[in-house]
Amino acid sequence: SRLFIGNLPANSITKQNMWRIFNQYGDVIQISIKEGFGFCQFRTIDQCSAAIEGESNVPLRGKVMHLEIS
């Protein structure tokens, strides 16, 4: 399942940063980052849902990520 990650701090987040955040919720298959948003691919929908529950409303470098299943 794929997680959309919006409202990322521009030019200051790496794939490694994102892996550290989301790996605790399950098997991260792939991470892609664009300017201000990105995607994290998990093995299961349950892992994706756990990431949304765990990281919603958590500030990241002064911004709160917008998370949804895509």
Protein backbone atom coordinates (compact mmCIF):
# COMPACT_ATOMS: atom_id res chain seq x y z
CA SER A 1 0.00 0.00 0.00
CA ARG A 2 1.16 3.49 -0.79
CA LEU A 3 1.14 6.39 1.63
CA PHE A 4 0.96 9.96 0.34
CA ILE A 5 3.02 12.35 2.48
CA GLY A 6 2.15 15.99 1.95
CA ASN A 7 3.40 19.25 3.45
CA LEU A 8 7.03 18.11 3.71
CA PRO A 9 9.65 20.77 4.47
CA ALA A 10 11.13 21.64 1.06
CA ASN A 11 14.73 20.62 0.34
CA SER A 12 15.52 19.42 3.86
CA ILE A 13 14.14 15.86 3.99
CA THR A 14 15.97 12.85 2.58
CA LYS A 15 14.83 9.31 1.83
CA GLN A 16 16.94 8.22 4.81
CA ASN A 17 15.05 10.64 7.11
CA MET A 18 11.73 9.28 5.86
CA TRP A 19 12.86 5.67 6.20
CA ARG A 20 13.78 6.29 9.86
CA ILE A 21 10.33 7.74 10.53
CA PHE A 22 8.22 5.14 8.72
CA ASN A 23 10.23 1.91 9.13
CA GLN A 24 8.90 1.52 12.69
CA TYR A 25 5.41 0.88 11.24
CA GLY A 26 6.34 -1.99 8.92
CA ASP A 27 8.26 -3.07 5.85
CA VAL A 28 9.09 0.01 3.77
CA ILE A 29 9.43 -1.11 0.16
CA GLN A 30 10.15 2.23 -1.49
CA ILE A 31 10.28 5.93 -0.69
CA SER A 32 10.12 8.74 -3.22
CA ILE A 33 10.36 12.45 -2.43
CA LYS A 34 9.47 15.45 -4.56
CA GLU A 35 9.47 19.10 -3.53
CA GLY A 36 7.02 19.39 -0.65
CA PHE A 37 5.56 15.88 -0.87
CA GLY A 38 6.45 12.22 -1.21
CA PHE A 39 5.28 8.62 -1.12
CA CYS A 40 6.14 5.65 1.07
CA GLN A 41 5.32 2.15 -0.15
CA PHE A 42 4.52 -0.38 2.59
CA ARG A 43 4.06 -4.13 2.23
CA THR A 44 0.50 -4.08 3.68
CA ILE A 45 -2.42 -1.71 4.13
CA ASP A 46 -2.29 -2.29 7.90
CA GLN A 47 1.28 -0.97 8.00
CA CYS A 48 0.22 2.06 5.99
CA SER A 49 -2.69 2.70 8.38
CA ALA A 50 -0.40 2.34 11.40
CA ALA A 51 1.92 5.00 9.95
CA ILE A 52 -1.01 7.38 9.50
CA GLU A 53 -2.17 6.81 13.08
CA GLY A 54 1.34 7.19 14.49
CA GLU A 55 2.53 10.22 12.52
CA SER A 56 -0.60 12.34 12.00
CA ASN A 57 -0.28 15.74 13.67
CA VAL A 58 3.39 15.13 14.52
CA PRO A 59 5.57 18.13 13.60
CA LEU A 60 8.52 17.55 11.29
CA ARG A 61 10.94 20.48 11.10
CA GLY A 62 8.19 22.96 11.85
CA LYS A 63 5.55 21.46 9.56
CA VAL A 64 2.84 18.87 10.17
CA MET A 65 2.78 16.14 7.53
CA HIS A 66 -0.47 15.44 5.69
CA LEU A 67 -0.81 11.64 5.42
CA GLU A 68 -3.30 9.59 3.43
CA ILE A 69 -3.48 6.27 1.62
CA SER A 70 -3.03 6.85 -2.10
